[in-house]
Full PDB file with SEQRES, HELIX, SHEET, SSBOND, CRYST1, ORIGX, SCALE, CONECT and MASTER records, all heavy atoms in Angstrom:
SEQRES   1 A   37  ILE GLU GLN LEU GLU LEU LEU MET LYS ALA ARG LYS HIS          
SEQRES   2 A   37  CYS ARG PHE ASP PRO ALA HIS VAL TYR PHE ARG GLN LEU          
SEQRES   3 A   37  SER ASN CYS PRO TRP CYS ARG VAL GLU ASP GLU                  
HELIX    1 AA1 GLU A    2  LYS A    9  1                                   8    
HELIX    2 AA2 PRO A   30  ASP A   36  1                                   7    
SHEET    1 AA1 2 ARG A  11  HIS A  13  0                                        
SHEET    2 AA1 2 VAL A  21  PHE A  23 -1                                        
CRYST1    1.000    1.000    1.000  90.00  90.00  90.00 P 1           1          
ORIGX1      1.000000  0.000000  0.000000        0.00000                         
ORIGX2      0.000000  1.000000  0.000000        0.00000                         
ORIGX3      0.000000  0.000000  1.000000        0.00000                         
SCALE1      1.000000  0.000000  0.000000        0.00000                         
SCALE2      0.000000  1.000000  0.000000        0.00000                         
SCALE3      0.000000  0.000000  1.000000        0.00000                         
ATOM      1  N   ILE A   1       0.841  -1.205   0.017  1.00  0.00           N  
ATOM      2  CA  ILE A   1       0.000  -0.009   0.007  1.00  0.00           C  
ATOM      3  C   ILE A   1       0.882   1.261  -0.008  1.00  0.00           C  
ATOM      4  O   ILE A   1       0.670   2.172  -0.783  1.00  0.00           O  
ATOM      5  CB  ILE A   1      -0.939   0.004   1.208  1.00  0.00           C  
ATOM      6  CG1 ILE A   1      -1.999  -1.094   1.111  1.00  0.00           C  
ATOM      7  CG2 ILE A   1      -1.615   1.361   1.355  1.00  0.00           C  
ATOM      8  CD1 ILE A   1      -2.764  -1.314   2.373  1.00  0.00           C  
ATOM      9  N   GLU A   2       1.863   1.273   0.891  1.00  0.00           N  
ATOM     10  CA  GLU A   2       2.723   2.418   0.976  1.00  0.00           C  
ATOM     11  C   GLU A   2       3.423   2.742  -0.330  1.00  0.00           C  
ATOM     12  O   GLU A   2       3.476   3.881  -0.780  1.00  0.00           O  
ATOM     13  CB  GLU A   2       3.763   2.202   2.114  1.00  0.00           C  
ATOM     14  CG  GLU A   2       4.777   3.348   2.282  1.00  0.00           C  
ATOM     15  CD  GLU A   2       5.800   3.014   3.291  1.00  0.00           C  
ATOM     16  OE1 GLU A   2       5.743   1.955   3.995  1.00  0.00           O  
ATOM     17  OE2 GLU A   2       6.785   3.806   3.432  1.00  0.00           O  
ATOM     18  N   GLN A   3       4.012   1.750  -0.920  1.00  0.00           N  
ATOM     19  CA  GLN A   3       4.805   1.928  -2.149  1.00  0.00           C  
ATOM     20  C   GLN A   3       3.873   2.305  -3.349  1.00  0.00           C  
ATOM     21  O   GLN A   3       4.262   3.089  -4.215  1.00  0.00           O  
ATOM     22  CB  GLN A   3       5.683   0.744  -2.475  1.00  0.00           C  
ATOM     23  CG  GLN A   3       6.766   0.517  -1.440  1.00  0.00           C  
ATOM     24  CD  GLN A   3       7.650   1.756  -1.263  1.00  0.00           C  
ATOM     25  OE1 GLN A   3       8.079   2.376  -2.237  1.00  0.00           O  
ATOM     26  NE2 GLN A   3       7.966   2.095   0.001  1.00  0.00           N  
ATOM     27  N   LEU A   4       2.734   1.684  -3.439  1.00  0.00           N  
ATOM     28  CA  LEU A   4       1.815   1.958  -4.530  1.00  0.00           C  
ATOM     29  C   LEU A   4       1.243   3.359  -4.417  1.00  0.00           C  
ATOM     30  O   LEU A   4       1.029   4.028  -5.441  1.00  0.00           O  
ATOM     31  CB  LEU A   4       0.672   0.913  -4.562  1.00  0.00           C  
ATOM     32  CG  LEU A   4       1.137  -0.456  -4.992  1.00  0.00           C  
ATOM     33  CD1 LEU A   4       0.077  -1.543  -4.607  1.00  0.00           C  
ATOM     34  CD2 LEU A   4       1.330  -0.514  -6.519  1.00  0.00           C  
ATOM     35  N   GLU A   5       1.009   3.827  -3.181  1.00  0.00           N  
ATOM     36  CA  GLU A   5       0.542   5.219  -3.019  1.00  0.00           C  
ATOM     37  C   GLU A   5       1.630   6.211  -3.460  1.00  0.00           C  
ATOM     38  O   GLU A   5       1.362   7.235  -4.070  1.00  0.00           O  
ATOM     39  CB  GLU A   5       0.140   5.474  -1.604  1.00  0.00           C  
ATOM     40  CG  GLU A   5      -1.180   4.783  -1.247  1.00  0.00           C  
ATOM     41  CD  GLU A   5      -1.632   5.033   0.190  1.00  0.00           C  
ATOM     42  OE1 GLU A   5      -0.832   5.565   0.986  1.00  0.00           O  
ATOM     43  OE2 GLU A   5      -2.791   4.726   0.507  1.00  0.00           O  
ATOM     44  N   LEU A   6       2.901   5.865  -3.148  1.00  0.00           N  
ATOM     45  CA  LEU A   6       3.992   6.749  -3.589  1.00  0.00           C  
ATOM     46  C   LEU A   6       4.094   6.736  -5.142  1.00  0.00           C  
ATOM     47  O   LEU A   6       4.338   7.779  -5.751  1.00  0.00           O  
ATOM     48  CB  LEU A   6       5.276   6.283  -2.987  1.00  0.00           C  
ATOM     49  CG  LEU A   6       5.449   6.487  -1.485  1.00  0.00           C  
ATOM     50  CD1 LEU A   6       6.756   5.863  -0.973  1.00  0.00           C  
ATOM     51  CD2 LEU A   6       5.441   7.992  -1.163  1.00  0.00           C  
ATOM     52  N   LEU A   7       3.930   5.578  -5.743  1.00  0.00           N  
ATOM     53  CA  LEU A   7       3.962   5.500  -7.217  1.00  0.00           C  
ATOM     54  C   LEU A   7       2.847   6.302  -7.811  1.00  0.00           C  
ATOM     55  O   LEU A   7       3.078   6.954  -8.879  1.00  0.00           O  
ATOM     56  CB  LEU A   7       3.914   4.021  -7.663  1.00  0.00           C  
ATOM     57  CG  LEU A   7       3.943   3.752  -9.157  1.00  0.00           C  
ATOM     58  CD1 LEU A   7       5.196   4.339  -9.793  1.00  0.00           C  
ATOM     59  CD2 LEU A   7       3.844   2.271  -9.455  1.00  0.00           C  
ATOM     60  N   MET A   8       1.676   6.295  -7.271  1.00  0.00           N  
ATOM     61  CA  MET A   8       0.573   7.074  -7.820  1.00  0.00           C  
ATOM     62  C   MET A   8       0.917   8.587  -7.828  1.00  0.00           C  
ATOM     63  O   MET A   8       0.452   9.298  -8.716  1.00  0.00           O  
ATOM     64  CB  MET A   8      -0.711   6.834  -6.988  1.00  0.00           C  
ATOM     65  CG  MET A   8      -1.402   5.513  -7.302  1.00  0.00           C  
ATOM     66  SD  MET A   8      -3.074   5.396  -6.593  1.00  0.00           S  
ATOM     67  CE  MET A   8      -2.678   5.198  -4.848  1.00  0.00           C  
ATOM     68  N   LYS A   9       1.715   9.031  -6.889  1.00  0.00           N  
ATOM     69  CA  LYS A   9       2.056  10.431  -6.815  1.00  0.00           C  
ATOM     70  C   LYS A   9       3.294  10.740  -7.680  1.00  0.00           C  
ATOM     71  O   LYS A   9       3.629  11.919  -7.861  1.00  0.00           O  
ATOM     72  CB  LYS A   9       2.346  10.797  -5.345  1.00  0.00           C  
ATOM     73  CG  LYS A   9       1.161  10.657  -4.433  1.00  0.00           C  
ATOM     74  CD  LYS A   9       1.563  10.925  -3.008  1.00  0.00           C  
ATOM     75  CE  LYS A   9       0.394  10.732  -2.052  1.00  0.00           C  
ATOM     76  NZ  LYS A   9       0.868  10.913  -0.617  1.00  0.00           N  
ATOM     77  N   ALA A  10       3.978   9.700  -8.171  1.00  0.00           N  
ATOM     78  CA  ALA A  10       5.262   9.945  -8.876  1.00  0.00           C  
ATOM     79  C   ALA A  10       5.099   9.543 -10.352  1.00  0.00           C  
ATOM     80  O   ALA A  10       5.950   8.841 -10.907  1.00  0.00           O  
ATOM     81  CB  ALA A  10       6.381   9.135  -8.193  1.00  0.00           C  
ATOM     82  N   ARG A  11       4.078   9.995 -10.958  1.00  0.00           N  
ATOM     83  CA  ARG A  11       3.821   9.626 -12.380  1.00  0.00           C  
ATOM     84  C   ARG A  11       3.817  10.877 -13.274  1.00  0.00           C  
ATOM     85  O   ARG A  11       3.640  11.973 -12.824  1.00  0.00           O  
ATOM     86  CB  ARG A  11       2.479   8.895 -12.511  1.00  0.00           C  
ATOM     87  CG  ARG A  11       1.283   9.757 -12.148  1.00  0.00           C  
ATOM     88  CD  ARG A  11      -0.002   8.985 -12.315  1.00  0.00           C  
ATOM     89  NE  ARG A  11      -1.139   9.855 -12.259  1.00  0.00           N  
ATOM     90  CZ  ARG A  11      -1.893  10.119 -11.162  1.00  0.00           C  
ATOM     91  NH1 ARG A  11      -1.520   9.560 -10.007  1.00  0.00           N  
ATOM     92  NH2 ARG A  11      -2.931  10.927 -11.197  1.00  0.00           N  
ATOM     93  N   LYS A  12       4.038  10.628 -14.554  1.00  0.00           N  
ATOM     94  CA  LYS A  12       3.938  11.702 -15.539  1.00  0.00           C  
ATOM     95  C   LYS A  12       3.423  11.155 -16.847  1.00  0.00           C  
ATOM     96  O   LYS A  12       3.374   9.966 -17.076  1.00  0.00           O  
ATOM     97  CB  LYS A  12       5.300  12.374 -15.710  1.00  0.00           C  
ATOM     98  CG  LYS A  12       6.368  11.475 -16.394  1.00  0.00           C  
ATOM     99  CD  LYS A  12       7.675  12.227 -16.576  1.00  0.00           C  
ATOM    100  CE  LYS A  12       8.758  11.350 -17.229  1.00  0.00           C  
ATOM    101  NZ  LYS A  12      10.032  12.083 -17.406  1.00  0.00           N  
ATOM    102  N   HIS A  13       2.994  12.070 -17.700  1.00  0.00           N  
ATOM    103  CA  HIS A  13       2.482  11.664 -19.019  1.00  0.00           C  
ATOM    104  C   HIS A  13       3.545  11.789 -20.085  1.00  0.00           C  
ATOM    105  O   HIS A  13       4.422  12.637 -20.065  1.00  0.00           O  
ATOM    106  CB  HIS A  13       1.299  12.628 -19.400  1.00  0.00           C  
ATOM    107  CG  HIS A  13       0.048  12.376 -18.635  1.00  0.00           C  
ATOM    108  ND1 HIS A  13      -0.912  11.492 -19.003  1.00  0.00           N  
ATOM    109  CD2 HIS A  13      -0.346  12.933 -17.436  1.00  0.00           C  
ATOM    110  CE1 HIS A  13      -1.883  11.490 -18.109  1.00  0.00           C  
ATOM    111  NE2 HIS A  13      -1.591  12.375 -17.167  1.00  0.00           N  
ATOM    112  N   CYS A  14       3.478  10.874 -21.029  1.00  0.00           N  
ATOM    113  CA  CYS A  14       4.411  10.896 -22.163  1.00  0.00           C  
ATOM    114  C   CYS A  14       4.107  12.108 -23.053  1.00  0.00           C  
ATOM    115  O   CYS A  14       2.950  12.462 -23.270  1.00  0.00           O  
ATOM    116  CB  CYS A  14       4.205   9.595 -22.978  1.00  0.00           C  
ATOM    117  SG  CYS A  14       5.112   9.517 -24.519  1.00  0.00           S  
ATOM    118  N   ARG A  15       5.162  12.732 -23.544  1.00  0.00           N  
ATOM    119  CA  ARG A  15       4.935  13.910 -24.377  1.00  0.00           C  
ATOM    120  C   ARG A  15       4.510  13.555 -25.797  1.00  0.00           C  
ATOM    121  O   ARG A  15       4.059  14.400 -26.568  1.00  0.00           O  
ATOM    122  CB  ARG A  15       6.179  14.816 -24.410  1.00  0.00           C  
ATOM    123  CG  ARG A  15       7.453  14.122 -24.931  1.00  0.00           C  
ATOM    124  CD  ARG A  15       8.671  14.962 -24.599  1.00  0.00           C  
ATOM    125  NE  ARG A  15       9.886  14.297 -25.049  1.00  0.00           N  
ATOM    126  CZ  ARG A  15      10.540  14.656 -26.144  1.00  0.00           C  
ATOM    127  NH1 ARG A  15      10.061  15.608 -26.933  1.00  0.00           N  
ATOM    128  NH2 ARG A  15      11.652  14.028 -26.519  1.00  0.00           N  
ATOM    129  N   PHE A  16       4.651  12.272 -26.166  1.00  0.00           N  
ATOM    130  CA  PHE A  16       4.243  11.841 -27.499  1.00  0.00           C  
ATOM    131  C   PHE A  16       2.834  11.230 -27.492  1.00  0.00           C  
ATOM    132  O   PHE A  16       2.116  11.352 -28.479  1.00  0.00           O  
ATOM    133  CB  PHE A  16       5.226  10.803 -28.062  1.00  0.00           C  
ATOM    134  CG  PHE A  16       6.604  11.353 -28.247  1.00  0.00           C  
ATOM    135  CD1 PHE A  16       7.662  10.965 -27.418  1.00  0.00           C  
ATOM    136  CD2 PHE A  16       6.877  12.284 -29.263  1.00  0.00           C  
ATOM    137  CE1 PHE A  16       8.938  11.447 -27.568  1.00  0.00           C  
ATOM    138  CE2 PHE A  16       8.165  12.787 -29.435  1.00  0.00           C  
ATOM    139  CZ  PHE A  16       9.200  12.360 -28.607  1.00  0.00           C  
ATOM    140  N   ASP A  17       2.474  10.608 -26.418  1.00  0.00           N  
ATOM    141  CA  ASP A  17       1.176   9.965 -26.285  1.00  0.00           C  
ATOM    142  C   ASP A  17       0.633  10.167 -24.905  1.00  0.00           C  
ATOM    143  O   ASP A  17       1.085   9.549 -23.934  1.00  0.00           O  
ATOM    144  CB  ASP A  17       1.312   8.450 -26.623  1.00  0.00           C  
ATOM    145  CG  ASP A  17      -0.053   7.751 -26.728  1.00  0.00           C  
ATOM    146  OD1 ASP A  17      -1.037   8.270 -26.175  1.00  0.00           O  
ATOM    147  OD2 ASP A  17      -0.114   6.711 -27.383  1.00  0.00           O  
ATOM    148  N   PRO A  18      -0.386  10.997 -24.735  1.00  0.00           N  
ATOM    149  CA  PRO A  18      -0.941  11.285 -23.381  1.00  0.00           C  
ATOM    150  C   PRO A  18      -1.542  10.071 -22.702  1.00  0.00           C  
ATOM    151  O   PRO A  18      -1.729  10.089 -21.463  1.00  0.00           O  
ATOM    152  CB  PRO A  18      -2.000  12.349 -23.667  1.00  0.00           C  
ATOM    153  CG  PRO A  18      -2.377  12.172 -25.127  1.00  0.00           C  
ATOM    154  CD  PRO A  18      -1.113  11.745 -25.788  1.00  0.00           C  
ATOM    155  N   ALA A  19      -1.811   9.001 -23.448  1.00  0.00           N  
ATOM    156  CA  ALA A  19      -2.329   7.795 -22.811  1.00  0.00           C  
ATOM    157  C   ALA A  19      -1.233   7.048 -22.041  1.00  0.00           C  
ATOM    158  O   ALA A  19      -1.472   6.207 -21.221  1.00  0.00           O  
ATOM    159  CB  ALA A  19      -2.944   6.840 -23.840  1.00  0.00           C  
ATOM    160  N   HIS A  20       0.029   7.357 -22.338  1.00  0.00           N  
ATOM    161  CA  HIS A  20       1.179   6.697 -21.673  1.00  0.00           C  
ATOM    162  C   HIS A  20       1.509   7.457 -20.371  1.00  0.00           C  
ATOM    163  O   HIS A  20       1.961   8.594 -20.412  1.00  0.00           O  
ATOM    164  CB  HIS A  20       2.395   6.724 -22.592  1.00  0.00           C  
ATOM    165  CG  HIS A  20       2.228   5.838 -23.786  1.00  0.00           C  
ATOM    166  ND1 HIS A  20       3.185   5.787 -24.836  1.00  0.00           N  
ATOM    167  CD2 HIS A  20       1.236   4.961 -24.164  1.00  0.00           C  
ATOM    168  CE1 HIS A  20       2.768   4.939 -25.759  1.00  0.00           C  
ATOM    169  NE2 HIS A  20       1.603   4.444 -25.372  1.00  0.00           N  
ATOM    170  N   VAL A  21       1.266   6.800 -19.289  1.00  0.00           N  
ATOM    171  CA  VAL A  21       1.609   7.345 -17.952  1.00  0.00           C  
ATOM    172  C   VAL A  21       2.636   6.424 -17.339  1.00  0.00           C  
ATOM    173  O   VAL A  21       2.472   5.191 -17.363  1.00  0.00           O  
ATOM    174  CB  VAL A  21       0.350   7.428 -17.061  1.00  0.00           C  
ATOM    175  CG1 VAL A  21       0.700   7.881 -15.678  1.00  0.00           C  
ATOM    176  CG2 VAL A  21      -0.720   8.301 -17.657  1.00  0.00           C  
ATOM    177  N   TYR A  22       3.698   7.006 -16.772  1.00  0.00           N  
ATOM    178  CA  TYR A  22       4.789   6.180 -16.254  1.00  0.00           C  
ATOM    179  C   TYR A  22       5.509   6.874 -15.100  1.00  0.00           C  
ATOM    180  O   TYR A  22       5.249   8.063 -14.810  1.00  0.00           O  
ATOM    181  CB  TYR A  22       5.753   5.781 -17.364  1.00  0.00           C  
ATOM    182  CG  TYR A  22       6.390   6.944 -18.075  1.00  0.00           C  
ATOM    183  CD1 TYR A  22       7.691   7.394 -17.758  1.00  0.00           C  
ATOM    184  CD2 TYR A  22       5.774   7.634 -19.151  1.00  0.00           C  
ATOM    185  CE1 TYR A  22       8.333   8.436 -18.409  1.00  0.00           C  
ATOM    186  CE2 TYR A  22       6.349   8.670 -19.768  1.00  0.00           C  
ATOM    187  CZ  TYR A  22       7.653   9.099 -19.420  1.00  0.00           C  
ATOM    188  OH  TYR A  22       8.257  10.152 -20.065  1.00  0.00           O  
ATOM    189  N   PHE A  23       6.454   6.143 -14.501  1.00  0.00           N  
ATOM    190  CA  PHE A  23       7.218   6.664 -13.377  1.00  0.00           C  
ATOM    191  C   PHE A  23       8.052   7.923 -13.803  1.00  0.00           C  
ATOM    192  O   PHE A  23       8.795   7.850 -14.775  1.00  0.00           O  
ATOM    193  CB  PHE A  23       8.139   5.575 -12.876  1.00  0.00           C  
ATOM    194  CG  PHE A  23       9.055   5.928 -11.710  1.00  0.00           C  
ATOM    195  CD1 PHE A  23       8.538   6.727 -10.668  1.00  0.00           C  
ATOM    196  CD2 PHE A  23      10.344   5.533 -11.637  1.00  0.00           C  
ATOM    197  CE1 PHE A  23       9.380   7.100  -9.596  1.00  0.00           C  
ATOM    198  CE2 PHE A  23      11.186   5.855 -10.593  1.00  0.00           C  
ATOM    199  CZ  PHE A  23      10.697   6.634  -9.571  1.00  0.00           C  
ATOM    200  N   ARG A  24       7.863   9.011 -13.118  1.00  0.00           N  
ATOM    201  CA  ARG A  24       8.393  10.263 -13.588  1.00  0.00           C  
ATOM    202  C   ARG A  24       9.912  10.402 -13.586  1.00  0.00           C  
ATOM    203  O   ARG A  24      10.466  11.300 -14.236  1.00  0.00           O  
ATOM    204  CB  ARG A  24       7.796  11.423 -12.771  1.00  0.00           C  
ATOM    205  CG  ARG A  24       8.241  11.465 -11.317  1.00  0.00           C  
ATOM    206  CD  ARG A  24       7.471  12.557 -10.552  1.00  0.00           C  
ATOM    207  NE  ARG A  24       7.866  12.567  -9.123  1.00  0.00           N  
ATOM    208  CZ  ARG A  24       7.120  13.166  -8.237  1.00  0.00           C  
ATOM    209  NH1 ARG A  24       5.986  13.771  -8.567  1.00  0.00           N  
ATOM    210  NH2 ARG A  24       7.505  13.161  -6.977  1.00  0.00           N  
ATOM    211  N   GLN A  25      10.576   9.515 -12.905  1.00  0.00           N  
ATOM    212  CA  GLN A  25      12.062   9.602 -12.859  1.00  0.00           C  
ATOM    213  C   GLN A  25      12.728   8.937 -14.092  1.00  0.00           C  
ATOM    214  O   GLN A  25      13.952   8.990 -14.261  1.00  0.00           O  
ATOM    215  CB  GLN A  25      12.599   9.040 -11.566  1.00  0.00           C  
ATOM    216  CG  GLN A  25      12.259   9.841 -10.334  1.00  0.00           C  
ATOM    217  CD  GLN A  25      13.001   9.410  -9.099  1.00  0.00           C  
ATOM    218  OE1 GLN A  25      13.976   8.661  -9.168  1.00  0.00           O  
ATOM    219  NE2 GLN A  25      12.499   9.879  -7.927  1.00  0.00           N  
ATOM    220  N   LEU A  26      11.918   8.274 -14.878  1.00  0.00           N  
ATOM    221  CA  LEU A  26      12.509   7.674 -16.135  1.00  0.00           C  
ATOM    222  C   LEU A  26      12.740   8.748 -17.180  1.00  0.00           C  
ATOM    223  O   LEU A  26      11.939   9.685 -17.334  1.00  0.00           O  
ATOM    224  CB  LEU A  26      11.509   6.605 -16.669  1.00  0.00           C  
ATOM    225  CG  LEU A  26      11.201   5.408 -15.798  1.00  0.00           C  
ATOM    226  CD1 LEU A  26      10.228   4.510 -16.526  1.00  0.00           C  
ATOM    227  CD2 LEU A  26      12.471   4.668 -15.455  1.00  0.00           C  
ATOM    228  N   SER A  27      13.776   8.591 -17.925  1.00  0.00           N  
ATOM    229  CA  SER A  27      14.152   9.579 -18.953  1.00  0.00           C  
ATOM    230  C   SER A  27      13.319   9.343 -20.240  1.00  0.00           C  
ATOM    231  O   SER A  27      13.060  10.283 -20.981  1.00  0.00           O  
ATOM    232  CB  SER A  27      15.581   9.525 -19.302  1.00  0.00           C  
ATOM    233  OG  SER A  27      16.006   8.222 -19.646  1.00  0.00           O  
ATOM    234  N   ASN A  28      12.889   8.102 -20.466  1.00  0.00           N  
ATOM    235  CA  ASN A  28      12.104   7.784 -21.677  1.00  0.00           C  
ATOM    236  C   ASN A  28      10.847   6.986 -21.272  1.00  0.00           C  
ATOM    237  O   ASN A  28      10.860   6.255 -20.306  1.00  0.00           O  
ATOM    238  CB  ASN A  28      12.947   6.974 -22.634  1.00  0.00           C  
ATOM    239  CG  ASN A  28      14.127   7.767 -23.177  1.00  0.00           C  
ATOM    240  OD1 ASN A  28      13.977   8.868 -23.739  1.00  0.00           O  
ATOM    241  ND2 ASN A  28      15.348   7.229 -22.981  1.00  0.00           N  
ATOM    242  N   CYS A  29       9.829   7.083 -22.137  1.00  0.00           N  
ATOM    243  CA  CYS A  29       8.550   6.416 -21.863  1.00  0.00           C  
ATOM    244  C   CYS A  29       8.716   4.932 -22.126  1.00  0.00           C  
ATOM    245  O   CYS A  29       9.034   4.501 -23.270  1.00  0.00           O  
ATOM    246  CB  CYS A  29       7.473   7.043 -22.757  1.00  0.00           C  
ATOM    247  SG  CYS A  29       5.885   6.108 -22.698  1.00  0.00           S  
ATOM    248  N   PRO A  30       8.449   4.102 -21.126  1.00  0.00           N  
ATOM    249  CA  PRO A  30       8.552   2.641 -21.333  1.00  0.00           C  
ATOM    250  C   PRO A  30       7.507   2.062 -22.265  1.00  0.00           C  
ATOM    251  O   PRO A  30       7.731   1.086 -22.942  1.00  0.00           O  
ATOM    252  CB  PRO A  30       8.435   2.067 -19.942  1.00  0.00           C  
ATOM    253  CG  PRO A  30       7.653   3.066 -19.170  1.00  0.00           C  
ATOM    254  CD  PRO A  30       8.083   4.394 -19.746  1.00  0.00           C  
ATOM    255  N   TRP A  31       6.336   2.713 -22.309  1.00  0.00           N  
ATOM    256  CA  TRP A  31       5.240   2.216 -23.177  1.00  0.00           C  
ATOM    257  C   TRP A  31       5.560   2.480 -24.663  1.00  0.00           C  
ATOM    258  O   TRP A  31       5.239   1.638 -25.517  1.00  0.00           O  
ATOM    259  CB  TRP A  31       3.909   2.854 -22.810  1.00  0.00           C  
ATOM    260  CG  TRP A  31       3.541   2.648 -21.362  1.00  0.00           C  
ATOM    261  CD1 TRP A  31       3.477   3.592 -20.356  1.00  0.00           C  
ATOM    262  CD2 TRP A  31       3.235   1.372 -20.719  1.00  0.00           C  
ATOM    263  NE1 TRP A  31       3.106   3.004 -19.176  1.00  0.00           N  
ATOM    264  CE2 TRP A  31       2.977   1.660 -19.377  1.00  0.00           C  
ATOM    265  CE3 TRP A  31       3.135   0.084 -21.195  1.00  0.00           C  
ATOM    266  CZ2 TRP A  31       2.635   0.671 -18.471  1.00  0.00           C  
ATOM    267  CZ3 TRP A  31       2.810  -0.926 -20.286  1.00  0.00           C  
ATOM    268  CH2 TRP A  31       2.547  -0.616 -18.937  1.00  0.00           C  
ATOM    269  N   CYS A  32       6.206   3.580 -24.928  1.00  0.00           N  
ATOM    270  CA  CYS A  32       6.710   3.850 -26.277  1.00  0.00           C  
ATOM    271  C   CYS A  32       7.730   2.771 -26.643  1.00  0.00           C  
ATOM    272  O   CYS A  32       7.704   2.261 -27.799  1.00  0.00           O  
ATOM    273  CB  CYS A  32       7.291   5.232 -26.388  1.00  0.00           C  
ATOM    274  SG  CYS A  32       6.085   6.567 -26.406  1.00  0.00           S  
ATOM    275  N   ARG A  33       8.616   2.452 -25.726  1.00  0.00           N  
ATOM    276  CA  ARG A  33       9.647   1.406 -25.978  1.00  0.00           C  
ATOM    277  C   ARG A  33       8.980   0.075 -26.314  1.00  0.00           C  
ATOM    278  O   ARG A  33       9.383  -0.606 -27.261  1.00  0.00           O  
ATOM    279  CB  ARG A  33      10.560   1.289 -24.772  1.00  0.00           C  
ATOM    280  CG  ARG A  33      11.698   0.267 -24.970  1.00  0.00           C  
ATOM    281  CD  ARG A  33      12.331  -0.114 -23.646  1.00  0.00           C  
ATOM    282  NE  ARG A  33      11.427  -1.005 -22.862  1.00  0.00           N  
ATOM    283  CZ  ARG A  33      11.153  -0.774 -21.602  1.00  0.00           C  
ATOM    284  NH1 ARG A  33      11.645   0.238 -20.972  1.00  0.00           N  
ATOM    285  NH2 ARG A  33      10.327  -1.622 -20.967  1.00  0.00           N  
ATOM    286  N   VAL A  34       7.973  -0.280 -25.521  1.00  0.00           N  
ATOM    287  CA  VAL A  34       7.284  -1.569 -25.755  1.00  0.00           C  
ATOM    288  C   VAL A  34       6.679  -1.590 -27.136  1.00  0.00           C  
ATOM    289  O   VAL A  34       6.792  -2.582 -27.897  1.00  0.00           O  
ATOM    290  CB  VAL A  34       6.183  -1.766 -24.688  1.00  0.00           C  
ATOM    291  CG1 VAL A  34       5.218  -2.917 -25.070  1.00  0.00           C  
ATOM    292  CG2 VAL A  34       6.811  -2.084 -23.325  1.00  0.00           C  
ATOM    293  N   GLU A  35       6.036  -0.491 -27.543  1.00  0.00           N  
ATOM    294  CA  GLU A  35       5.454  -0.439 -28.905  1.00  0.00           C  
ATOM    295  C   GLU A  35       6.495  -0.447 -29.968  1.00  0.00           C  
ATOM    296  O   GLU A  35       6.285  -1.052 -31.028  1.00  0.00           O  
ATOM    297  CB  GLU A  35       4.533   0.782 -28.975  1.00  0.00           C  
ATOM    298  CG  GLU A  35       3.299   0.725 -28.086  1.00  0.00           C  
ATOM    299  CD  GLU A  35       2.420   1.958 -28.160  1.00  0.00           C  
ATOM    300  OE1 GLU A  35       2.661   2.793 -29.075  1.00  0.00           O  
ATOM    301  OE2 GLU A  35       1.480   2.056 -27.368  1.00  0.00           O  
ATOM    302  N   ASP A  36       7.593   0.253 -29.731  1.00  0.00           N  
ATOM    303  CA  ASP A  36       8.711   0.288 -30.725  1.00  0.00           C  
ATOM    304  C   ASP A  36       9.361  -1.097 -30.877  1.00  0.00           C  
ATOM    305  O   ASP A  36       9.900  -1.435 -31.939  1.00  0.00           O  
ATOM    306  CB  ASP A  36       9.777   1.260 -30.298  1.00  0.00           C  
ATOM    307  CG  ASP A  36       9.329   2.711 -30.420  1.00  0.00           C  
ATOM    308  OD1 ASP A  36       8.306   2.944 -31.117  1.00  0.00           O  
ATOM    309  OD2 ASP A  36       9.945   3.606 -29.836  1.00  0.00           O  
ATOM    310  N   GLU A  37       9.251  -1.957 -29.820  1.00  0.00           N  
ATOM    311  CA  GLU A  37       9.797  -3.285 -29.913  1.00  0.00           C  
ATOM    312  C   GLU A  37       8.845  -4.280 -30.549  1.00  0.00           C  
ATOM    313  O   GLU A  37       9.111  -5.482 -30.610  1.00  0.00           O  
ATOM    314  CB  GLU A  37      10.152  -3.787 -28.498  1.00  0.00           C  
ATOM    315  CG  GLU A  37      11.330  -3.046 -27.821  1.00  0.00           C  
ATOM    316  CD  GLU A  37      11.525  -3.476 -26.361  1.00  0.00           C  
ATOM    317  OE1 GLU A  37      10.703  -4.238 -25.832  1.00  0.00           O  
ATOM    318  OE2 GLU A  37      12.543  -3.029 -25.790  1.00  0.00           O  
TER     319      GLU A  37                                                      
MASTER        0    0    0    2    2    0    0    6  318    1    0    3          
END                                                                             
């Protein structure tokens, strides 16, 4: 519960696709990477 609540507060939207929400400390969107793969 504690860690999931922190993750909910530490998210950001992808600048290429607003449907992609991910951990804000990542430099690149992981969902874009998955689709590119």
